[in-house]
Amino acid sequence: MLFSLARFEVFPVDVWVRRVMNELYIKMEDETKVSKKVLQALAKEKFENLAGLAQQYLFYQRRSIG
């Protein structure tokens, strides 16, 4: 959806994105307790209509660096 339909505002949340968003912004001890809605609201606030592209960079950063 992100690239094929040019829906750059869509912010998919998976385990890696949840981890990196928690590490960078939320800082909750147990990242599994951070809800998807909280993450998507934060992404909309921080990245606006480019949240989907930001998600790609966050995912890549977390998977490459560890």
N, C-alpha and C. Protein backbone atom coordinates (compact mmCIF):
# COMPACT_ATOMS: atom_id res chain seq x y z
N MET A 1 0.82 -1.18 0.00
CA MET A 1 0.00 0.00 0.00
C MET A 1 0.87 1.26 0.00
N LEU A 2 1.94 1.23 0.74
CA LEU A 2 2.80 2.40 0.87
C LEU A 2 3.31 2.89 -0.49
N PHE A 3 3.87 1.98 -1.26
CA PHE A 3 4.45 2.39 -2.54
C PHE A 3 3.50 2.22 -3.71
N SER A 4 2.78 1.13 -3.76
CA SER A 4 1.92 0.88 -4.92
C SER A 4 0.76 1.86 -5.01
N LEU A 5 0.25 2.31 -3.87
CA LEU A 5 -0.86 3.26 -3.88
C LEU A 5 -0.45 4.67 -3.44
N ALA A 6 0.85 4.86 -3.24
CA ALA A 6 1.40 6.16 -2.80
C ALA A 6 0.71 6.66 -1.53
N ARG A 7 0.49 5.75 -0.59
CA ARG A 7 -0.12 6.11 0.70
C ARG A 7 0.99 6.29 1.72
N PHE A 8 1.70 7.38 1.62
CA PHE A 8 2.88 7.63 2.45
C PHE A 8 2.54 7.92 3.91
N GLU A 9 1.27 8.17 4.19
CA GLU A 9 0.86 8.44 5.57
C GLU A 9 0.60 7.17 6.37
N VAL A 10 0.53 6.02 5.71
CA VAL A 10 0.26 4.75 6.37
C VAL A 10 1.51 4.32 7.15
N PHE A 11 1.32 3.96 8.42
CA PHE A 11 2.45 3.61 9.30
C PHE A 11 2.26 2.19 9.83
N PRO A 12 2.75 1.18 9.08
CA PRO A 12 2.63 -0.20 9.55
C PRO A 12 3.50 -0.43 10.79
N VAL A 13 2.96 -1.16 11.74
CA VAL A 13 3.69 -1.42 12.99
C VAL A 13 3.96 -2.92 13.09
N ASP A 14 5.23 -3.26 13.19
CA ASP A 14 5.62 -4.64 13.46
C ASP A 14 6.54 -4.62 14.68
N VAL A 15 7.11 -5.75 14.99
CA VAL A 15 7.95 -5.87 16.19
C VAL A 15 9.15 -4.92 16.14
N TRP A 16 9.77 -4.80 14.99
CA TRP A 16 10.98 -3.97 14.88
C TRP A 16 10.65 -2.49 14.98
N VAL A 17 9.57 -2.08 14.35
CA VAL A 17 9.16 -0.68 14.42
C VAL A 17 8.72 -0.34 15.84
N ARG A 18 8.01 -1.25 16.49
CA ARG A 18 7.61 -1.03 17.88
C ARG A 18 8.85 -0.84 18.76
N ARG A 19 9.86 -1.65 18.55
CA ARG A 19 11.08 -1.56 19.35
C ARG A 19 11.79 -0.22 19.15
N VAL A 20 11.99 0.16 17.91
CA VAL A 20 12.75 1.39 17.64
C VAL A 20 11.97 2.63 18.07
N MET A 21 10.66 2.65 17.87
CA MET A 21 9.86 3.79 18.32
C MET A 21 9.89 3.90 19.83
N ASN A 22 9.83 2.76 20.50
CA ASN A 22 9.91 2.76 21.96
C ASN A 22 11.27 3.26 22.43
N GLU A 23 12.33 2.77 21.80
CA GLU A 23 13.69 3.18 22.19
C GLU A 23 13.93 4.67 21.97
N LEU A 24 13.43 5.20 20.87
CA LEU A 24 13.70 6.60 20.53
C LEU A 24 12.77 7.60 21.21
N TYR A 25 11.50 7.24 21.36
CA TYR A 25 10.52 8.23 21.78
C TYR A 25 9.77 7.91 23.08
N ILE A 26 9.36 6.67 23.28
CA ILE A 26 8.47 6.36 24.39
C ILE A 26 9.24 5.96 25.65
N LYS A 27 10.23 5.11 25.47
CA LYS A 27 11.12 4.66 26.54
C LYS A 27 10.41 3.89 27.65
N MET A 28 9.45 3.06 27.28
CA MET A 28 8.78 2.19 28.24
C MET A 28 9.64 0.95 28.45
N GLU A 29 9.73 0.47 29.66
CA GLU A 29 10.61 -0.67 29.97
C GLU A 29 10.23 -1.91 29.16
N ASP A 30 8.95 -2.16 29.01
CA ASP A 30 8.47 -3.33 28.25
C ASP A 30 7.77 -2.84 26.99
N GLU A 31 8.49 -2.88 25.85
CA GLU A 31 7.92 -2.33 24.61
C GLU A 31 6.68 -3.06 24.14
N THR A 32 6.47 -4.29 24.59
CA THR A 32 5.28 -5.03 24.15
C THR A 32 4.00 -4.42 24.71
N LYS A 33 4.12 -3.56 25.72
CA LYS A 33 2.94 -2.92 26.31
C LYS A 33 2.56 -1.62 25.60
N VAL A 34 3.36 -1.19 24.65
CA VAL A 34 3.05 0.01 23.87
C VAL A 34 2.04 -0.39 22.80
N SER A 35 0.90 0.27 22.79
CA SER A 35 -0.16 -0.10 21.84
C SER A 35 0.13 0.43 20.44
N LYS A 36 -0.43 -0.26 19.48
CA LYS A 36 -0.29 0.12 18.08
C LYS A 36 -0.89 1.51 17.84
N LYS A 37 -2.00 1.80 18.49
CA LYS A 37 -2.64 3.11 18.33
C LYS A 37 -1.75 4.24 18.83
N VAL A 38 -1.07 4.01 19.94
CA VAL A 38 -0.14 5.01 20.48
C VAL A 38 0.99 5.25 19.48
N LEU A 39 1.53 4.18 18.94
CA LEU A 39 2.62 4.30 17.98
C LEU A 39 2.18 5.04 16.72
N GLN A 40 1.00 4.71 16.22
CA GLN A 40 0.51 5.36 15.01
C GLN A 40 0.20 6.84 15.25
N ALA A 41 -0.32 7.17 16.42
CA ALA A 41 -0.58 8.58 16.75
C ALA A 41 0.74 9.35 16.86
N LEU A 42 1.72 8.75 17.49
CA LEU A 42 3.04 9.38 17.61
C LEU A 42 3.67 9.59 16.23
N ALA A 43 3.56 8.60 15.37
CA ALA A 43 4.10 8.71 14.01
C ALA A 43 3.41 9.83 13.25
N LYS A 44 2.10 9.93 13.40
CA LYS A 44 1.37 11.00 12.71
C LYS A 44 1.82 12.36 13.22
N GLU A 45 2.02 12.47 14.53
CA GLU A 45 2.46 13.73 15.12
C GLU A 45 3.87 14.10 14.66
N LYS A 46 4.78 13.14 14.68
CA LYS A 46 6.19 13.41 14.36
C LYS A 46 6.47 13.51 12.87
N PHE A 47 5.86 12.62 12.08
CA PHE A 47 6.24 12.50 10.67
C PHE A 47 5.16 12.97 9.70
N GLU A 48 4.00 13.30 10.23
CA GLU A 48 2.87 13.80 9.45
C GLU A 48 2.53 12.89 8.27
N ASN A 49 2.42 13.46 7.08
CA ASN A 49 1.98 12.66 5.94
C ASN A 49 3.09 11.82 5.31
N LEU A 50 4.27 11.79 5.92
CA LEU A 50 5.37 10.94 5.44
C LEU A 50 5.71 9.84 6.45
N ALA A 51 4.77 9.50 7.29
CA ALA A 51 5.00 8.50 8.34
C ALA A 51 5.41 7.15 7.75
N GLY A 52 4.85 6.77 6.63
CA GLY A 52 5.20 5.50 6.00
C GLY A 52 6.65 5.44 5.56
N LEU A 53 7.14 6.53 5.02
CA LEU A 53 8.55 6.58 4.62
C LEU A 53 9.45 6.56 5.85
N ALA A 54 9.05 7.27 6.89
CA ALA A 54 9.82 7.26 8.14
C ALA A 54 9.87 5.85 8.70
N GLN A 55 8.77 5.12 8.59
CA GLN A 55 8.73 3.74 9.08
C GLN A 55 9.77 2.89 8.38
N GLN A 56 9.95 3.08 7.10
CA GLN A 56 10.93 2.32 6.35
C GLN A 56 12.35 2.60 6.85
N TYR A 57 12.65 3.86 7.10
CA TYR A 57 13.97 4.22 7.63
C TYR A 57 14.19 3.69 9.04
N LEU A 58 13.17 3.79 9.87
CA LEU A 58 13.28 3.28 11.24
C LEU A 58 13.52 1.77 11.23
N PHE A 59 12.78 1.05 10.39
CA PHE A 59 12.93 -0.40 10.28
C PHE A 59 14.35 -0.75 9.84
N TYR A 60 14.81 -0.07 8.80
CA TYR A 60 16.14 -0.34 8.26
C TYR A 60 17.21 -0.06 9.32
N GLN A 61 17.08 1.06 10.02
CA GLN A 61 18.05 1.42 11.05
C GLN A 61 18.12 0.36 12.13
N ARG A 62 16.98 -0.07 12.59
CA ARG A 62 16.93 -1.06 13.69
C ARG A 62 17.50 -2.41 13.25
N ARG A 63 17.17 -2.84 12.05
CA ARG A 63 17.62 -4.14 11.56
C ARG A 63 19.10 -4.11 11.18
N SER A 64 19.63 -2.99 10.73
CA SER A 64 21.03 -2.93 10.32
C SER A 64 21.98 -2.79 11.50
N ILE A 65 21.63 -1.90 12.39
CA ILE A 65 22.51 -1.59 13.50
C ILE A 65 22.28 -2.55 14.66
N GLY A 66 21.04 -2.90 14.89
CA GLY A 66 20.73 -3.86 15.95
C GLY A 66 20.32 -3.27 17.24
